PDB file of all heavy atoms in Angstrom:
ATOM      1  N   HIS A   1       0.807  -1.215   0.000  1.00  0.00           N
ATOM      2  CA  HIS A   1       0.000   0.000   0.000  1.00  0.00           C
ATOM      3  C   HIS A   1       0.844   1.271   0.000  1.00  0.00           C
ATOM      4  O   HIS A   1       0.288   2.361  -0.004  1.00  0.00           O
ATOM      5  CB  HIS A   1      -0.931   0.000   1.211  1.00  0.00           C
ATOM      6  CG  HIS A   1      -1.787  -1.212   1.305  1.00  0.00           C
ATOM      7  ND1 HIS A   1      -2.915  -1.403   0.535  1.00  0.00           N
ATOM      8  CD2 HIS A   1      -1.657  -2.336   2.078  1.00  0.00           C
ATOM      9  CE1 HIS A   1      -3.459  -2.567   0.827  1.00  0.00           C
ATOM     10  NE2 HIS A   1      -2.724  -3.149   1.756  1.00  0.00           N
ATOM     11  N   GLY A   2       2.150   1.121   0.025  1.00  0.00           N
ATOM     12  CA  GLY A   2       3.020   2.282   0.005  1.00  0.00           C
ATOM     13  C   GLY A   2       4.345   2.044   0.707  1.00  0.00           C
ATOM     14  O   GLY A   2       5.392   2.491   0.265  1.00  0.00           O
ATOM     15  N   GLY A   3       4.294   1.357   1.851  1.00  0.00           N
ATOM     16  CA  GLY A   3       5.514   1.037   2.567  1.00  0.00           C
ATOM     17  C   GLY A   3       6.178   2.232   3.222  1.00  0.00           C
ATOM     18  O   GLY A   3       7.400   2.262   3.364  1.00  0.00           O
ATOM     19  N   ALA A   4       5.399   3.228   3.625  1.00  0.00           N
ATOM     20  CA  ALA A   4       5.951   4.426   4.258  1.00  0.00           C
ATOM     21  C   ALA A   4       4.858   5.100   5.070  1.00  0.00           C
ATOM     22  O   ALA A   4       3.701   4.658   5.084  1.00  0.00           O
ATOM     23  CB  ALA A   4       6.513   5.384   3.211  1.00  0.00           C
ATOM     24  N   ALA A   5       5.250   6.191   5.758  1.00  0.00           N
ATOM     25  CA  ALA A   5       4.292   6.995   6.515  1.00  0.00           C
ATOM     26  C   ALA A   5       3.847   8.172   5.661  1.00  0.00           C
ATOM     27  O   ALA A   5       4.665   8.800   4.974  1.00  0.00           O
ATOM     28  CB  ALA A   5       4.923   7.472   7.812  1.00  0.00           C
ATOM     29  N   TYR A   6       2.559   8.477   5.717  1.00  0.00           N
ATOM     30  CA  TYR A   6       1.997   9.518   4.860  1.00  0.00           C
ATOM     31  C   TYR A   6       1.115  10.460   5.671  1.00  0.00           C
ATOM     32  O   TYR A   6       0.401  10.031   6.585  1.00  0.00           O
ATOM     33  CB  TYR A   6       1.174   8.888   3.733  1.00  0.00           C
ATOM     34  CG  TYR A   6       1.962   7.929   2.886  1.00  0.00           C
ATOM     35  CD1 TYR A   6       1.853   6.551   3.089  1.00  0.00           C
ATOM     36  CD2 TYR A   6       2.840   8.382   1.911  1.00  0.00           C
ATOM     37  CE1 TYR A   6       2.592   5.657   2.322  1.00  0.00           C
ATOM     38  CE2 TYR A   6       3.579   7.500   1.139  1.00  0.00           C
ATOM     39  CZ  TYR A   6       3.456   6.141   1.358  1.00  0.00           C
ATOM     40  OH  TYR A   6       4.194   5.254   0.605  1.00  0.00           O
ATOM     41  N   TRP A   7       1.132  11.756   5.303  1.00  0.00           N
ATOM     42  CA  TRP A   7       0.278  12.743   5.936  1.00  0.00           C
ATOM     43  C   TRP A   7      -1.177  12.514   5.551  1.00  0.00           C
ATOM     44  O   TRP A   7      -1.469  12.018   4.451  1.00  0.00           O
ATOM     45  CB  TRP A   7       0.660  14.160   5.509  1.00  0.00           C
ATOM     46  CG  TRP A   7       1.998  14.644   5.965  1.00  0.00           C
ATOM     47  CD1 TRP A   7       3.037  15.016   5.173  1.00  0.00           C
ATOM     48  CD2 TRP A   7       2.430  14.845   7.319  1.00  0.00           C
ATOM     49  NE1 TRP A   7       4.100  15.440   5.940  1.00  0.00           N
ATOM     50  CE2 TRP A   7       3.752  15.338   7.259  1.00  0.00           C
ATOM     51  CE3 TRP A   7       1.830  14.658   8.559  1.00  0.00           C
ATOM     52  CZ2 TRP A   7       4.479  15.645   8.399  1.00  0.00           C
ATOM     53  CZ3 TRP A   7       2.557  14.956   9.700  1.00  0.00           C
ATOM     54  CH2 TRP A   7       3.865  15.446   9.616  1.00  0.00           C
ATOM     55  N   GLY A   8      -2.074  12.923   6.452  1.00  0.00           N
ATOM     56  CA  GLY A   8      -3.485  12.847   6.143  1.00  0.00           C
ATOM     57  C   GLY A   8      -4.323  13.611   7.153  1.00  0.00           C
ATOM     58  O   GLY A   8      -3.887  13.866   8.276  1.00  0.00           O
ATOM     59  N   VAL A   9      -5.506  13.989   6.746  1.00  0.00           N
ATOM     60  CA  VAL A   9      -6.509  14.601   7.621  1.00  0.00           C
ATOM     61  C   VAL A   9      -7.381  13.485   8.176  1.00  0.00           C
ATOM     62  O   VAL A   9      -7.668  12.509   7.471  1.00  0.00           O
ATOM     63  CB  VAL A   9      -7.365  15.615   6.832  1.00  0.00           C
ATOM     64  CG1 VAL A   9      -8.488  16.169   7.700  1.00  0.00           C
ATOM     65  CG2 VAL A   9      -6.496  16.742   6.288  1.00  0.00           C
ATOM     66  N   GLY A  10      -7.828  13.629   9.416  1.00  0.00           N
ATOM     67  CA  GLY A  10      -8.634  12.562   9.990  1.00  0.00           C
ATOM     68  C   GLY A  10      -9.614  13.044  11.029  1.00  0.00           C
ATOM     69  O   GLY A  10      -9.708  14.232  11.320  1.00  0.00           O
ATOM     70  N   ALA A  11     -10.367  12.085  11.581  1.00  0.00           N
ATOM     71  CA  ALA A  11     -11.345  12.378  12.628  1.00  0.00           C
ATOM     72  C   ALA A  11     -11.644  11.101  13.391  1.00  0.00           C
ATOM     73  O   ALA A  11     -11.285   9.995  12.970  1.00  0.00           O
ATOM     74  CB  ALA A  11     -12.629  12.965  12.031  1.00  0.00           C
ATOM     75  N   ASP A  12     -12.321  11.260  14.533  1.00  0.00           N
ATOM     76  CA  ASP A  12     -12.722  10.114  15.345  1.00  0.00           C
ATOM     77  C   ASP A  12     -13.826  10.588  16.288  1.00  0.00           C
ATOM     78  O   ASP A  12     -14.019  11.786  16.501  1.00  0.00           O
ATOM     79  CB  ASP A  12     -11.532   9.578  16.138  1.00  0.00           C
ATOM     80  CG  ASP A  12     -11.774   8.185  16.702  1.00  0.00           C
ATOM     81  OD1 ASP A  12     -12.821   7.579  16.381  1.00  0.00           O
ATOM     82  OD2 ASP A  12     -10.923   7.698  17.474  1.00  0.00           O
ATOM     83  N   GLY A  13     -14.564   9.637  16.814  1.00  0.00           N
ATOM     84  CA  GLY A  13     -15.514   9.923  17.867  1.00  0.00           C
ATOM     85  C   GLY A  13     -16.888  10.369  17.426  1.00  0.00           C
ATOM     86  O   GLY A  13     -17.804  10.477  18.249  1.00  0.00           O
ATOM     87  N   GLY A  14     -17.067  10.646  16.141  1.00  0.00           N
ATOM     88  CA  GLY A  14     -18.360  11.106  15.652  1.00  0.00           C
ATOM     89  C   GLY A  14     -18.997  10.111  14.711  1.00  0.00           C
ATOM     90  O   GLY A  14     -18.518   8.977  14.550  1.00  0.00           O
ATOM     91  N   PRO A  15     -20.062  10.501  14.035  1.00  0.00           N
ATOM     92  CA  PRO A  15     -20.763   9.600  13.125  1.00  0.00           C
ATOM     93  C   PRO A  15     -19.891   9.074  11.990  1.00  0.00           C
ATOM     94  O   PRO A  15     -20.143   7.972  11.489  1.00  0.00           O
ATOM     95  CB  PRO A  15     -21.907  10.470  12.581  1.00  0.00           C
ATOM     96  CG  PRO A  15     -22.113  11.520  13.615  1.00  0.00           C
ATOM     97  CD  PRO A  15     -20.764  11.799  14.180  1.00  0.00           C
ATOM     98  N   THR A  16     -18.889   9.843  11.569  1.00  0.00           N
ATOM     99  CA  THR A  16     -18.045   9.385  10.456  1.00  0.00           C
ATOM    100  C   THR A  16     -17.054   8.316  10.880  1.00  0.00           C
ATOM    101  O   THR A  16     -16.422   7.690  10.025  1.00  0.00           O
ATOM    102  CB  THR A  16     -17.282  10.564   9.829  1.00  0.00           C
ATOM    103  OG1 THR A  16     -16.481  11.203  10.838  1.00  0.00           O
ATOM    104  CG2 THR A  16     -18.237  11.559   9.208  1.00  0.00           C
ATOM    105  N   GLY A  17     -16.874   8.094  12.182  1.00  0.00           N
ATOM    106  CA  GLY A  17     -15.998   7.033  12.651  1.00  0.00           C
ATOM    107  C   GLY A  17     -14.547   7.458  12.747  1.00  0.00           C
ATOM    108  O   GLY A  17     -14.209   8.638  12.754  1.00  0.00           O
ATOM    109  N   ASP A  18     -13.661   6.469  12.807  1.00  0.00           N
ATOM    110  CA  ASP A  18     -12.220   6.673  12.950  1.00  0.00           C
ATOM    111  C   ASP A  18     -11.576   6.520  11.577  1.00  0.00           C
ATOM    112  O   ASP A  18     -11.551   5.425  11.018  1.00  0.00           O
ATOM    113  CB  ASP A  18     -11.657   5.648  13.934  1.00  0.00           C
ATOM    114  CG  ASP A  18     -10.169   5.833  14.198  1.00  0.00           C
ATOM    115  OD1 ASP A  18      -9.593   6.807  13.687  1.00  0.00           O
ATOM    116  OD2 ASP A  18      -9.582   4.991  14.905  1.00  0.00           O
ATOM    117  N   TRP A  19     -11.043   7.616  11.021  1.00  0.00           N
ATOM    118  CA  TRP A  19     -10.486   7.568   9.669  1.00  0.00           C
ATOM    119  C   TRP A  19      -9.362   8.578   9.511  1.00  0.00           C
ATOM    120  O   TRP A  19      -9.281   9.563  10.246  1.00  0.00           O
ATOM    121  CB  TRP A  19     -11.570   7.829   8.617  1.00  0.00           C
ATOM    122  CG  TRP A  19     -12.356   9.093   8.841  1.00  0.00           C
ATOM    123  CD1 TRP A  19     -13.493   9.225   9.583  1.00  0.00           C
ATOM    124  CD2 TRP A  19     -12.069  10.393   8.314  1.00  0.00           C
ATOM    125  NE1 TRP A  19     -13.933  10.525   9.553  1.00  0.00           N
ATOM    126  CE2 TRP A  19     -13.091  11.263   8.784  1.00  0.00           C
ATOM    127  CE3 TRP A  19     -11.073  10.906   7.486  1.00  0.00           C
ATOM    128  CZ2 TRP A  19     -13.121  12.620   8.460  1.00  0.00           C
ATOM    129  CZ3 TRP A  19     -11.110  12.256   7.160  1.00  0.00           C
ATOM    130  CH2 TRP A  19     -12.111  13.093   7.645  1.00  0.00           C
ATOM    131  N   THR A  20      -8.477   8.301   8.548  1.00  0.00           N
ATOM    132  CA  THR A  20      -7.404   9.220   8.162  1.00  0.00           C
ATOM    133  C   THR A  20      -7.319   9.226   6.642  1.00  0.00           C
ATOM    134  O   THR A  20      -7.108   8.185   6.021  1.00  0.00           O
ATOM    135  CB  THR A  20      -6.047   8.789   8.743  1.00  0.00           C
ATOM    136  OG1 THR A  20      -6.157   8.714  10.169  1.00  0.00           O
ATOM    137  CG2 THR A  20      -4.954   9.798   8.382  1.00  0.00           C
ATOM    138  N   ASN A  21      -7.481  10.379   6.062  1.00  0.00           N
ATOM    139  CA  ASN A  21      -7.497  10.525   4.605  1.00  0.00           C
ATOM    140  C   ASN A  21      -6.064  10.748   4.094  1.00  0.00           C
ATOM    141  O   ASN A  21      -5.737  11.794   3.564  1.00  0.00           O
ATOM    142  CB  ASN A  21      -8.396  11.708   4.223  1.00  0.00           C
ATOM    143  CG  ASN A  21      -8.659  11.801   2.736  1.00  0.00           C
ATOM    144  OD1 ASN A  21      -9.126  10.853   2.131  1.00  0.00           O
ATOM    145  ND2 ASN A  21      -8.357  12.944   2.146  1.00  0.00           N
ATOM    146  N   TRP A  22      -5.186   9.728   4.246  1.00  0.00           N
ATOM    147  CA  TRP A  22      -3.790   9.856   3.830  1.00  0.00           C
ATOM    148  C   TRP A  22      -3.645   9.590   2.334  1.00  0.00           C
ATOM    149  O   TRP A  22      -4.484   8.940   1.714  1.00  0.00           O
ATOM    150  CB  TRP A  22      -2.899   8.905   4.634  1.00  0.00           C
ATOM    151  CG  TRP A  22      -3.269   7.453   4.542  1.00  0.00           C
ATOM    152  CD1 TRP A  22      -4.118   6.761   5.355  1.00  0.00           C
ATOM    153  CD2 TRP A  22      -2.822   6.519   3.546  1.00  0.00           C
ATOM    154  NE1 TRP A  22      -4.226   5.444   4.938  1.00  0.00           N
ATOM    155  CE2 TRP A  22      -3.433   5.275   3.836  1.00  0.00           C
ATOM    156  CE3 TRP A  22      -1.963   6.601   2.454  1.00  0.00           C
ATOM    157  CZ2 TRP A  22      -3.205   4.129   3.069  1.00  0.00           C
ATOM    158  CZ3 TRP A  22      -1.735   5.465   1.685  1.00  0.00           C
ATOM    159  CH2 TRP A  22      -2.348   4.249   1.999  1.00  0.00           C
ATOM    160  N   ARG A  23      -2.550  10.108   1.782  1.00  0.00           N
ATOM    161  CA  ARG A  23      -2.262   9.921   0.362  1.00  0.00           C
ATOM    162  C   ARG A  23      -0.765   9.675   0.177  1.00  0.00           C
ATOM    163  O   ARG A  23       0.068  10.300   0.842  1.00  0.00           O
ATOM    164  CB  ARG A  23      -2.670  11.152  -0.461  1.00  0.00           C
ATOM    165  CG  ARG A  23      -4.180  11.388  -0.521  1.00  0.00           C
ATOM    166  CD  ARG A  23      -4.868  10.329  -1.373  1.00  0.00           C
ATOM    167  NE  ARG A  23      -6.312  10.568  -1.511  1.00  0.00           N
ATOM    168  CZ  ARG A  23      -7.229  10.096  -0.699  1.00  0.00           C
ATOM    169  NH1 ARG A  23      -6.871   9.338   0.344  1.00  0.00           N
ATOM    170  NH2 ARG A  23      -8.502  10.348  -0.897  1.00  0.00           N
ATOM    171  N   THR A  24      -0.412   8.778  -0.738  1.00  0.00           N
ATOM    172  CA  THR A  24       0.998   8.468  -0.986  1.00  0.00           C
ATOM    173  C   THR A  24       1.735   9.645  -1.624  1.00  0.00           C
ATOM    174  O   THR A  24       2.970   9.656  -1.662  1.00  0.00           O
ATOM    175  CB  THR A  24       1.141   7.229  -1.889  1.00  0.00           C
ATOM    176  OG1 THR A  24       0.428   7.460  -3.114  1.00  0.00           O
ATOM    177  CG2 THR A  24       0.586   5.988  -1.204  1.00  0.00           C
ATOM    178  N   THR A  25       1.016  10.627  -2.126  1.00  0.00           N
ATOM    179  CA  THR A  25       1.635  11.831  -2.693  1.00  0.00           C
ATOM    180  C   THR A  25       2.051  12.823  -1.609  1.00  0.00           C
ATOM    181  O   THR A  25       2.600  13.883  -1.919  1.00  0.00           O
ATOM    182  CB  THR A  25       0.676  12.529  -3.662  1.00  0.00           C
ATOM    183  OG1 THR A  25      -0.566  12.781  -2.978  1.00  0.00           O
ATOM    184  CG2 THR A  25       0.431  11.658  -4.883  1.00  0.00           C
ATOM    185  N   ALA A  26       1.795  12.479  -0.341  1.00  0.00           N
ATOM    186  CA  ALA A  26       2.151  13.366   0.768  1.00  0.00           C
ATOM    187  C   ALA A  26       2.917  12.586   1.832  1.00  0.00           C
ATOM    188  O   ALA A  26       2.399  12.339   2.933  1.00  0.00           O
ATOM    189  CB  ALA A  26       0.890  14.000   1.359  1.00  0.00           C
ATOM    190  N   PRO A  27       4.149  12.158   1.549  1.00  0.00           N
ATOM    191  CA  PRO A  27       4.920  11.392   2.521  1.00  0.00           C
ATOM    192  C   PRO A  27       5.316  12.233   3.726  1.00  0.00           C
ATOM    193  O   PRO A  27       5.639  13.416   3.595  1.00  0.00           O
ATOM    194  CB  PRO A  27       6.149  10.948   1.726  1.00  0.00           C
ATOM    195  CG  PRO A  27       6.287  11.978   0.648  1.00  0.00           C
ATOM    196  CD  PRO A  27       4.895  12.383   0.287  1.00  0.00           C
ATOM    197  N   SER A  28       5.285  11.626   4.896  1.00  0.00           N
ATOM    198  CA  SER A  28       5.786  12.267   6.110  1.00  0.00           C
ATOM    199  C   SER A  28       7.299  12.048   6.152  1.00  0.00           C
ATOM    200  O   SER A  28       7.759  10.929   6.385  1.00  0.00           O
ATOM    201  CB  SER A  28       5.133  11.653   7.349  1.00  0.00           C
ATOM    202  OG  SER A  28       3.739  11.875   7.364  1.00  0.00           O
ATOM    203  N   VAL A  29       8.049  13.100   5.913  1.00  0.00           N
ATOM    204  CA  VAL A  29       9.508  12.999   5.807  1.00  0.00           C
ATOM    205  C   VAL A  29      10.143  13.453   7.108  1.00  0.00           C
ATOM    206  O   VAL A  29       9.910  14.583   7.564  1.00  0.00           O
ATOM    207  CB  VAL A  29      10.033  13.833   4.628  1.00  0.00           C
ATOM    208  CG1 VAL A  29      11.546  13.732   4.536  1.00  0.00           C
ATOM    209  CG2 VAL A  29       9.369  13.382   3.329  1.00  0.00           C
ATOM    210  N   ALA A  30      10.944  12.584   7.716  1.00  0.00           N
ATOM    211  CA  ALA A  30      11.614  12.895   8.975  1.00  0.00           C
ATOM    212  C   ALA A  30      12.921  13.646   8.727  1.00  0.00           C
ATOM    213  O   ALA A  30      13.488  13.614   7.630  1.00  0.00           O
ATOM    214  CB  ALA A  30      11.891  11.614   9.748  1.00  0.00           C
ATOM    215  N   GLY A  31      13.380  14.341   9.766  1.00  0.00           N
ATOM    216  CA  GLY A  31      14.722  14.910   9.751  1.00  0.00           C
ATOM    217  C   GLY A  31      14.868  16.279   9.135  1.00  0.00           C
ATOM    218  O   GLY A  31      15.986  16.800   9.066  1.00  0.00           O
ATOM    219  N   ARG A  32      13.793  16.912   8.706  1.00  0.00           N
ATOM    220  CA  ARG A  32      13.905  18.256   8.134  1.00  0.00           C
ATOM    221  C   ARG A  32      12.726  19.113   8.567  1.00  0.00           C
ATOM    222  O   ARG A  32      11.636  18.612   8.847  1.00  0.00           O
ATOM    223  CB  ARG A  32      13.980  18.212   6.614  1.00  0.00           C
ATOM    224  CG  ARG A  32      12.730  17.725   5.905  1.00  0.00           C
ATOM    225  CD  ARG A  32      12.904  17.812   4.399  1.00  0.00           C
ATOM    226  NE  ARG A  32      11.746  17.373   3.639  1.00  0.00           N
ATOM    227  CZ  ARG A  32      10.693  18.133   3.351  1.00  0.00           C
ATOM    228  NH1 ARG A  32      10.648  19.382   3.782  1.00  0.00           N
ATOM    229  NH2 ARG A  32       9.696  17.654   2.637  1.00  0.00           N
ATOM    230  N   TRP A  33      12.955  20.420   8.638  1.00  0.00           N
ATOM    231  CA  TRP A  33      11.901  21.347   9.016  1.00  0.00           C
ATOM    232  C   TRP A  33      10.895  21.520   7.870  1.00  0.00           C
ATOM    233  O   TRP A  33      11.284  21.652   6.714  1.00  0.00           O
ATOM    234  CB  TRP A  33      12.489  22.701   9.384  1.00  0.00           C
ATOM    235  CG  TRP A  33      13.111  22.706  10.744  1.00  0.00           C
ATOM    236  CD1 TRP A  33      14.422  22.530  11.043  1.00  0.00           C
ATOM    237  CD2 TRP A  33      12.423  22.882  11.989  1.00  0.00           C
ATOM    238  NE1 TRP A  33      14.602  22.576  12.405  1.00  0.00           N
ATOM    239  CE2 TRP A  33      13.395  22.795  13.010  1.00  0.00           C
ATOM    240  CE3 TRP A  33      11.097  23.104  12.331  1.00  0.00           C
ATOM    241  CZ2 TRP A  33      13.073  22.920  14.365  1.00  0.00           C
ATOM    242  CZ3 TRP A  33      10.766  23.235  13.679  1.00  0.00           C
ATOM    243  CH2 TRP A  33      11.751  23.141  14.676  1.00  0.00           C
ATOM    244  N   THR A  34       9.634  21.503   8.232  1.00  0.00           N
ATOM    245  CA  THR A  34       8.548  21.692   7.280  1.00  0.00           C
ATOM    246  C   THR A  34       7.570  22.706   7.852  1.00  0.00           C
ATOM    247  O   THR A  34       7.240  22.653   9.043  1.00  0.00           O
ATOM    248  CB  THR A  34       7.806  20.367   7.015  1.00  0.00           C
ATOM    249  OG1 THR A  34       8.724  19.395   6.525  1.00  0.00           O
ATOM    250  CG2 THR A  34       6.683  20.564   6.000  1.00  0.00           C
ATOM    251  N   CYS A  35       7.120  23.627   7.035  1.00  0.00           N
ATOM    252  CA  CYS A  35       6.089  24.571   7.441  1.00  0.00           C
ATOM    253  C   CYS A  35       4.747  24.027   6.969  1.00  0.00           C
ATOM    254  O   CYS A  35       4.536  23.836   5.764  1.00  0.00           O
ATOM    255  CB  CYS A  35       6.349  25.948   6.838  1.00  0.00           C
ATOM    256  SG  CYS A  35       5.044  27.156   7.215  1.00  0.00           S
ATOM    257  N   VAL A  36       3.851  23.765   7.907  1.00  0.00           N
ATOM    258  CA  VAL A  36       2.543  23.201   7.588  1.00  0.00           C
ATOM    259  C   VAL A  36       1.462  24.229   7.918  1.00  0.00           C
ATOM    260  O   VAL A  36       1.455  24.812   9.006  1.00  0.00           O
ATOM    261  CB  VAL A  36       2.278  21.899   8.372  1.00  0.00           C
ATOM    262  CG1 VAL A  36       0.931  21.298   7.955  1.00  0.00           C
ATOM    263  CG2 VAL A  36       3.401  20.895   8.164  1.00  0.00           C
ATOM    264  N   GLU A  37       0.558  24.450   6.973  1.00  0.00           N
ATOM    265  CA  GLU A  37      -0.602  25.320   7.179  1.00  0.00           C
ATOM    266  C   GLU A  37      -1.871  24.510   6.955  1.00  0.00           C
ATOM    267  O   GLU A  37      -1.887  23.588   6.139  1.00  0.00           O
ATOM    268  CB  GLU A  37      -0.591  26.479   6.194  1.00  0.00           C
ATOM    269  CG  GLU A  37       0.629  27.386   6.256  1.00  0.00           C
ATOM    270  CD  GLU A  37       0.604  28.367   5.095  1.00  0.00           C
ATOM    271  OE1 GLU A  37      -0.048  29.428   5.230  1.00  0.00           O
ATOM    272  OE2 GLU A  37       1.210  28.045   4.050  1.00  0.00           O
ATOM    273  N   TRP A  38      -2.922  24.895   7.665  1.00  0.00           N
ATOM    274  CA  TRP A  38      -4.217  24.263   7.431  1.00  0.00           C
ATOM    275  C   TRP A  38      -5.331  25.293   7.571  1.00  0.00           C
ATOM    276  O   TRP A  38      -5.167  26.335   8.208  1.00  0.00           O
ATOM    277  CB  TRP A  38      -4.442  23.087   8.378  1.00  0.00           C
ATOM    278  CG  TRP A  38      -4.620  23.459   9.831  1.00  0.00           C
ATOM    279  CD1 TRP A  38      -5.794  23.662  10.485  1.00  0.00           C
ATOM    280  CD2 TRP A  38      -3.588  23.668  10.798  1.00  0.00           C
ATOM    281  NE1 TRP A  38      -5.559  23.977  11.796  1.00  0.00           N
ATOM    282  CE2 TRP A  38      -4.231  23.985  12.021  1.00  0.00           C
ATOM    283  CE3 TRP A  38      -2.197  23.588  10.751  1.00  0.00           C
ATOM    284  CZ2 TRP A  38      -3.505  24.240  13.183  1.00  0.00           C
ATOM    285  CZ3 TRP A  38      -1.480  23.863  11.916  1.00  0.00           C
ATOM    286  CH2 TRP A  38      -2.120  24.179  13.113  1.00  0.00           C
ATOM    287  N   HIS A  39      -6.456  25.000   6.949  1.00  0.00           N
ATOM    288  CA  HIS A  39      -7.623  25.874   7.010  1.00  0.00           C
ATOM    289  C   HIS A  39      -8.838  25.049   7.364  1.00  0.00           C
ATOM    290  O   HIS A  39      -9.135  24.050   6.704  1.00  0.00           O
ATOM    291  CB  HIS A  39      -7.851  26.566   5.661  1.00  0.00           C
ATOM    292  CG  HIS A  39      -8.987  27.533   5.668  1.00  0.00           C
ATOM    293  ND1 HIS A  39      -9.724  27.842   4.535  1.00  0.00           N
ATOM    294  CD2 HIS A  39      -9.540  28.276   6.680  1.00  0.00           C
ATOM    295  CE1 HIS A  39     -10.661  28.734   4.853  1.00  0.00           C
ATOM    296  NE2 HIS A  39     -10.577  29.007   6.135  1.00  0.00           N
ATOM    297  N   MET A  40      -9.538  25.457   8.410  1.00  0.00           N
ATOM    298  CA  MET A  40     -10.797  24.840   8.810  1.00  0.00           C
ATOM    299  C   MET A  40     -11.911  25.779   8.363  1.00  0.00           C
ATOM    300  O   MET A  40     -12.064  26.879   8.919  1.00  0.00           O
ATOM    301  CB  MET A  40     -10.843  24.654  10.323  1.00  0.00           C
ATOM    302  CG  MET A  40      -9.540  24.158  10.941  1.00  0.00           C
ATOM    303  SD  MET A  40      -9.281  22.406  10.706  1.00  0.00           S
ATOM    304  CE  MET A  40     -10.249  21.741  12.056  1.00  0.00           C
ATOM    305  N   ASP A  41     -12.679  25.388   7.368  1.00  0.00           N
ATOM    306  CA  ASP A  41     -13.727  26.231   6.802  1.00  0.00           C
ATOM    307  C   ASP A  41     -15.088  25.630   7.140  1.00  0.00           C
ATOM    308  O   ASP A  41     -15.490  24.610   6.576  1.00  0.00           O
ATOM    309  CB  ASP A  41     -13.554  26.345   5.293  1.00  0.00           C
ATOM    310  CG  ASP A  41     -14.507  27.333   4.656  1.00  0.00           C
ATOM    311  OD1 ASP A  41     -15.420  27.828   5.359  1.00  0.00           O
ATOM    312  OD2 ASP A  41     -14.360  27.608   3.457  1.00  0.00           O
ATOM    313  N   ALA A  42     -15.801  26.276   8.074  1.00  0.00           N
ATOM    314  CA  ALA A  42     -17.055  25.725   8.562  1.00  0.00           C
ATOM    315  C   ALA A  42     -18.186  25.792   7.538  1.00  0.00           C
ATOM    316  O   ALA A  42     -19.218  25.129   7.717  1.00  0.00           O
ATOM    317  CB  ALA A  42     -17.482  26.447   9.838  1.00  0.00           C
ATOM    318  N   VAL A  43     -18.021  26.567   6.461  1.00  0.00           N
ATOM    319  CA  VAL A  43     -19.090  26.695   5.466  1.00  0.00           C
ATOM    320  C   VAL A  43     -19.470  25.332   4.902  1.00  0.00           C
ATOM    321  O   VAL A  43     -20.652  25.007   4.756  1.00  0.00           O
ATOM    322  CB  VAL A  43     -18.671  27.655   4.339  1.00  0.00           C
ATOM    323  CG1 VAL A  43     -19.695  27.640   3.207  1.00  0.00           C
ATOM    324  CG2 VAL A  43     -18.515  29.071   4.879  1.00  0.00           C
ATOM    325  N   ASP A  44     -18.446  24.512   4.576  1.00  0.00           N
ATOM    326  CA  ASP A  44     -18.731  23.159   4.094  1.00  0.00           C
ATOM    327  C   ASP A  44     -17.873  22.121   4.822  1.00  0.00           C
ATOM    328  O   ASP A  44     -17.575  21.065   4.284  1.00  0.00           O
ATOM    329  CB  ASP A  44     -18.538  23.050   2.578  1.00  0.00           C
ATOM    330  CG  ASP A  44     -17.126  23.380   2.137  1.00  0.00           C
ATOM    331  OD1 ASP A  44     -16.320  23.840   2.993  1.00  0.00           O
ATOM    332  OD2 ASP A  44     -16.809  23.180   0.960  1.00  0.00           O
TER     333      ASP A  44
END
Protein backbone atom coordinates (compact mmCIF):
# COMPACT_ATOMS: atom_id res chain seq x y z
CA HIS A 1 0.00 0.00 0.00
CA GLY A 2 3.02 2.28 0.01
CA GLY A 3 5.51 1.04 2.57
CA ALA A 4 5.95 4.43 4.26
CA ALA A 5 4.29 6.99 6.52
CA TYR A 6 2.00 9.52 4.86
CA TRP A 7 0.28 12.74 5.94
CA GLY A 8 -3.48 12.85 6.14
CA VAL A 9 -6.51 14.60 7.62
CA GLY A 10 -8.63 12.56 9.99
CA ALA A 11 -11.35 12.38 12.63
CA ASP A 12 -12.72 10.11 15.34
CA GLY A 13 -15.51 9.92 17.87
CA GLY A 14 -18.36 11.11 15.65
CA PRO A 15 -20.76 9.60 13.13
CA THR A 16 -18.04 9.38 10.46
CA GLY A 17 -16.00 7.03 12.65
CA ASP A 18 -12.22 6.67 12.95
CA TRP A 19 -10.49 7.57 9.67
CA THR A 20 -7.40 9.22 8.16
CA ASN A 21 -7.50 10.52 4.60
CA TRP A 22 -3.79 9.86 3.83
CA ARG A 23 -2.26 9.92 0.36
CA THR A 24 1.00 8.47 -0.99
CA THR A 25 1.64 11.83 -2.69
CA ALA A 26 2.15 13.37 0.77
CA PRO A 27 4.92 11.39 2.52
CA SER A 28 5.79 12.27 6.11
CA VAL A 29 9.51 13.00 5.81
CA ALA A 30 11.61 12.89 8.98
CA GLY A 31 14.72 14.91 9.75
CA ARG A 32 13.91 18.26 8.13
CA TRP A 33 11.90 21.35 9.02
CA THR A 34 8.55 21.69 7.28
CA CYS A 35 6.09 24.57 7.44
CA VAL A 36 2.54 23.20 7.59
CA GLU A 37 -0.60 25.32 7.18
CA TRP A 38 -4.22 24.26 7.43
CA HIS A 39 -7.62 25.87 7.01
CA MET A 40 -10.80 24.84 8.81
CA ASP A 41 -13.73 26.23 6.80
CA ALA A 42 -17.06 25.73 8.56
CA VAL A 43 -19.09 26.70 5.47
CA ASP A 44 -18.73 23.16 4.09
